[in-house]
Protein backbone atom coordinates (compact mmCIF):
# COMPACT_ATOMS: atom_id res chain seq x y z
CA MET A 1 7.34 19.04 -4.44
CA PHE A 2 8.77 16.08 -2.48
CA GLU A 3 12.39 16.65 -2.89
CA GLY A 4 14.50 15.20 -0.05
CA LYS A 5 11.70 12.73 0.93
CA VAL A 6 12.09 8.95 0.78
CA ALA A 7 9.17 6.68 0.25
CA PHE A 8 9.00 2.92 0.97
CA ILE A 9 6.35 1.02 -0.95
CA THR A 10 5.24 -2.61 -0.67
CA GLY A 11 3.67 -4.28 -3.70
CA GLY A 12 5.29 -1.50 -5.82
CA THR A 13 5.93 -3.38 -9.06
CA LYS A 14 2.56 -2.97 -10.77
CA GLY A 15 -1.05 -1.73 -10.36
CA ILE A 16 -1.74 0.73 -7.43
CA GLY A 17 1.77 0.35 -5.92
CA TYR A 18 3.62 1.23 -9.07
CA SER A 19 1.34 4.19 -9.90
CA ILE A 20 2.01 5.61 -6.49
CA ALA A 21 5.69 5.09 -6.86
CA GLU A 22 5.69 6.66 -10.36
CA ALA A 23 3.75 9.69 -9.10
CA LEU A 24 6.09 10.21 -6.14
CA VAL A 25 9.26 9.89 -8.23
CA LYS A 26 7.82 12.45 -10.70
CA GLY A 27 7.16 14.71 -7.68
CA GLY A 28 10.78 14.65 -6.72
CA ALA A 29 10.77 11.86 -4.02
CA SER A 30 13.29 8.97 -3.85
CA VAL A 31 11.34 5.67 -3.91
CA TYR A 32 12.12 2.19 -2.72
CA ILE A 33 9.77 -0.52 -4.00
CA CYS A 34 9.58 -4.07 -3.12
CA GLY A 35 7.73 -7.24 -4.34
CA ARG A 36 8.06 -10.96 -4.27
CA ASP A 37 9.09 -11.35 -7.94
CA ALA A 38 12.74 -10.38 -8.67
CA ALA A 39 12.21 -9.87 -12.31
CA GLY A 40 9.18 -7.63 -11.69
CA VAL A 41 11.12 -5.57 -9.15
CA SER A 42 14.08 -5.09 -11.42
CA LYS A 43 11.86 -3.98 -14.40
CA ALA A 44 9.80 -1.57 -12.25
CA VAL A 45 12.94 -0.08 -10.68
CA GLU A 46 14.51 0.55 -14.12
CA LYS A 47 11.39 2.32 -15.34
CA LEU A 48 11.36 4.50 -12.19
CA LYS A 49 15.03 5.28 -12.50
CA ALA A 50 14.30 6.74 -15.93
CA LEU A 51 12.20 9.23 -14.09
CA GLY A 52 14.16 9.99 -10.93
CA SER A 53 15.62 8.39 -7.88
CA ALA A 54 14.60 4.82 -7.16
CA ALA A 55 15.77 1.48 -5.70
CA GLY A 56 14.16 -1.76 -4.82
CA GLY A 57 14.38 -5.36 -3.78
CA VAL A 58 12.61 -8.59 -3.23
CA CYS A 59 10.57 -8.86 -0.12
CA ASP A 60 7.74 -11.10 1.09
CA VAL A 61 5.92 -9.03 3.60
CA ARG A 62 4.75 -12.24 5.38
CA SER A 63 8.34 -12.59 6.64
CA GLU A 64 9.33 -10.18 9.47
CA ALA A 65 12.92 -10.73 8.55
CA ASP A 66 12.31 -9.81 4.93
CA VAL A 67 10.57 -6.69 5.87
CA ARG A 68 13.30 -5.57 8.26
CA ARG A 69 16.02 -6.24 5.75
CA SER A 70 14.11 -4.30 2.98
CA ILE A 71 13.66 -1.31 5.18
CA ASP A 72 17.35 -1.41 6.11
CA GLU A 73 18.11 -1.54 2.37
CA CYS A 74 15.90 1.49 1.69
CA VAL A 75 17.79 3.51 4.36
CA ALA A 76 21.22 2.41 3.08
CA ALA A 77 20.29 3.15 -0.51
CA LEU A 78 18.28 6.32 -0.27
CA GLY A 79 19.18 7.77 3.20
CA GLY A 80 16.09 7.19 5.32
CA VAL A 81 12.37 6.74 5.29
CA ASP A 82 9.77 9.51 5.40
CA ILE A 83 6.73 7.95 3.70
CA VAL A 84 5.45 4.31 3.99
CA ILE A 85 2.87 2.99 1.58
CA ASN A 86 1.58 -0.45 2.63
CA ASN A 87 0.04 -1.72 -0.59
CA ALA A 88 1.00 -5.34 -0.78
CA GLY A 89 -2.05 -7.62 -0.70
CA ILE A 90 -3.52 -10.78 -1.90
CA ALA A 91 -6.91 -12.47 -2.25
CA PHE A 92 -8.38 -15.92 -3.11
CA PRO A 93 -11.82 -14.68 -4.42
CA GLY A 94 -14.75 -16.83 -4.99
CA LYS A 95 -14.03 -19.34 -2.22
CA THR A 96 -16.50 -20.01 0.62
CA VAL A 97 -15.26 -20.56 4.08
CA GLU A 98 -15.70 -24.36 3.49
CA GLU A 99 -13.68 -24.16 0.31
CA ILE A 100 -10.67 -21.95 1.19
CA SER A 101 -7.70 -23.84 2.66
CA GLY A 102 -6.15 -23.03 5.96
CA ASP A 103 -2.98 -22.12 4.09
CA GLU A 104 -4.84 -19.63 1.78
CA PHE A 105 -6.57 -18.09 4.75
CA ARG A 106 -3.29 -17.80 6.55
CA GLN A 107 -1.50 -16.30 3.56
CA THR A 108 -4.25 -13.64 3.27
CA LEU A 109 -3.93 -12.50 6.86
CA GLU A 110 -0.19 -12.66 6.93
CA THR A 111 0.05 -10.56 3.85
CA ASN A 112 -2.68 -8.07 4.25
CA LEU A 113 -2.38 -7.56 8.04
CA LEU A 114 0.74 -9.01 9.51
CA GLY A 115 2.80 -7.55 6.69
CA VAL A 116 1.49 -4.10 7.39
CA PHE A 117 2.28 -4.54 11.08
CA TYR A 118 5.87 -5.45 10.35
CA CYS A 119 6.44 -2.42 8.03
CA CYS A 120 4.94 -0.01 10.52
CA HIS A 121 6.78 -1.60 13.48
CA TYR A 122 10.14 -1.06 11.94
CA ALA A 123 9.31 2.21 10.13
CA ILE A 124 7.86 4.28 12.94
CA PRO A 125 11.17 4.76 14.85
CA LEU A 126 12.78 5.89 11.60
CA LEU A 127 9.97 8.41 10.87
CA ARG A 128 10.11 9.72 14.41
CA ASN A 129 13.81 10.22 14.11
CA ARG A 130 13.29 12.24 10.95
CA GLY A 131 10.85 14.52 12.74
CA GLY A 132 7.63 12.93 11.56
CA GLY A 133 6.28 11.37 8.33
CA TYR A 134 3.31 9.65 6.76
CA ILE A 135 1.95 6.07 6.71
CA ILE A 136 -0.68 5.29 4.13
CA ASN A 137 -2.23 1.84 4.17
CA ILE A 138 -4.23 0.61 1.10
CA SER A 139 -7.28 -1.11 2.54
CA SER A 140 -10.57 -1.69 0.73
CA LEU A 141 -14.27 -1.12 1.03
CA ALA A 142 -14.30 -4.83 1.72
CA GLY A 143 -12.84 -3.81 5.13
CA GLN A 144 -16.31 -2.54 6.13
CA ASN A 145 -18.72 -4.36 3.83
CA ALA A 146 -18.79 -8.15 4.19
CA HIS A 147 -19.30 -10.29 1.06
CA PRO A 148 -19.86 -13.98 0.76
CA ARG A 149 -16.86 -15.87 -0.80
CA MET A 150 -14.51 -13.19 0.40
CA ALA A 151 -14.35 -14.14 4.15
CA ALA A 152 -10.59 -14.27 4.43
CA TYR A 153 -10.08 -11.05 2.61
CA ASN A 154 -12.92 -9.27 4.57
CA ALA A 155 -11.22 -10.41 7.75
CA SER A 156 -7.86 -9.19 6.72
CA LYS A 157 -9.13 -5.78 5.72
CA PHE A 158 -11.51 -5.30 8.71
CA GLY A 159 -8.45 -6.13 10.89
CA LEU A 160 -6.34 -3.63 8.86
CA ASN A 161 -8.81 -0.84 9.40
CA GLY A 162 -8.95 -1.30 13.14
CA PHE A 163 -5.18 -1.66 13.41
CA THR A 164 -4.67 1.53 11.37
CA GLU A 165 -7.03 3.64 13.39
CA ALA A 166 -5.44 2.57 16.64
CA MET A 167 -1.97 3.27 15.30
CA MET A 168 -3.13 6.67 14.07
CA GLN A 169 -3.88 7.69 17.57
CA GLU A 170 -0.61 6.32 18.98
CA VAL A 171 1.70 8.31 16.59
CA ARG A 172 -0.15 11.57 15.69
CA HIS A 173 1.66 13.51 18.35
CA ASP A 174 5.04 12.47 16.95
CA ASP A 175 4.00 14.27 13.77
CA ILE A 176 3.45 10.95 11.97
CA LYS A 177 0.22 11.07 10.03
CA VAL A 178 -1.56 7.84 9.29
CA THR A 179 -4.36 7.31 6.68
CA TYR A 180 -6.12 4.30 5.29
CA ILE A 181 -7.62 4.37 1.76
CA CYS A 182 -10.63 2.09 1.00
CA PRO A 183 -11.08 1.78 -2.75
CA GLY A 184 -13.88 -0.01 -4.45
CA SER A 185 -13.40 -1.73 -7.85
CA VAL A 186 -9.95 -0.89 -9.25
CA ASN A 187 -9.00 -1.80 -12.78
CA THR A 188 -5.87 -3.94 -12.02
CA HIS A 189 -4.74 -7.62 -12.04
CA PHE A 190 -5.51 -8.06 -8.35
CA GLY A 191 -7.59 -11.01 -7.40
CA ASN A 192 -7.13 -12.67 -10.89
CA ASP A 193 -8.92 -9.80 -12.44
CA THR A 194 -7.78 -8.45 -15.93
CA PRO A 195 -7.55 -4.68 -16.79
CA SER A 196 -9.40 -3.93 -20.01
CA PRO A 197 -11.06 -0.95 -21.75
CA GLU A 198 -14.45 -2.42 -20.93
CA LYS A 199 -13.67 -1.83 -17.31
CA ALA A 200 -12.81 1.86 -17.80
CA TRP A 201 -15.62 2.74 -15.44
CA GLN A 202 -13.56 1.32 -12.55
CA ILE A 203 -11.24 3.32 -10.44
CA GLN A 204 -7.83 3.42 -12.18
CA PRO A 205 -4.51 2.90 -10.30
CA GLU A 206 -3.47 6.44 -11.10
CA ASP A 207 -6.59 7.69 -9.39
CA ILE A 208 -5.33 6.15 -6.10
CA ALA A 209 -1.97 7.59 -6.69
CA GLN A 210 -3.54 11.07 -7.11
CA VAL A 211 -5.19 10.64 -3.72
CA VAL A 212 -1.87 9.78 -2.19
CA ILE A 213 -0.22 12.85 -3.55
CA ASP A 214 -3.13 15.01 -2.38
CA LEU A 215 -2.87 13.60 1.19
CA LEU A 216 0.91 14.29 1.28
CA LYS A 217 0.41 17.90 0.15
CA MET A 218 -2.20 18.70 2.80
CA GLU A 219 -1.44 21.16 5.61
CA PRO A 220 0.27 19.55 8.67
CA ARG A 221 -2.74 20.47 10.82
CA VAL A 222 -5.10 18.38 8.66
CA LEU A 223 -5.47 14.59 8.97
CA PRO A 224 -7.85 12.75 6.75
CA SER A 225 -7.60 9.49 8.62
CA LYS A 226 -9.88 7.46 6.23
CA ILE A 227 -10.61 7.87 2.55
CA GLU A 228 -13.28 5.98 0.71
CA ILE A 229 -13.13 5.79 -3.11
CA ARG A 230 -15.88 4.55 -5.37
CA PRO A 231 -16.40 4.46 -9.16
CA SER A 232 -18.65 7.50 -9.91
CA ARG A 233 -20.61 5.66 -12.63
CA PRO A 234 -20.73 1.90 -12.14
CA PRO A 235 -22.84 -0.22 -14.42
CA ALA A 236 -26.64 0.21 -13.78
CA ARG A 237 -28.17 -2.91 -12.25
């Protein structure tokens, strides 16, 4: 299905990122994943290699140098880049503007917004040289619905959505598609949450992976630039 294609995925060691990586490898793509934890990267890459072609490395997307090095490593290891999945993200939930520190606010924007810019900045020329490609940014419904005690995360995702829409218009005539996915509650460890059977009503990481696969399989003439995903049956209030 995706034979000959190479995907670069940030935050690819667990949760949504790993599920996307797994689905792409199973579909025949070669996948490069990165994350901040060396042990986590190594473990995830070994699991992916059991399914197909994969590589990975340590990368803090807050560092422009780290991102550039990781993309170079992807090209060296797998031969290029055709698909970019910007999934890495952090949050400090439950803190008011008064309570969150300047460093925590800065980390949130640098990871969730600047990190995406760095990846796109260095990947776009590579995609163009390959005749086109696809960039998918994992955003959130928090990028359009403000919530108290989430101001930093809201700011990062509101910014990500605007950035992505502008970039989409810049590169569409280079045959580079751009989509941002805005999930609601996903059953992962993100934001200090804990996956559990009791939260089976939430969106699962593999559900997001399925959306990514469906996007990549669409006709070239079709561009769903924004996807919103919600649990179909949240607990009644």
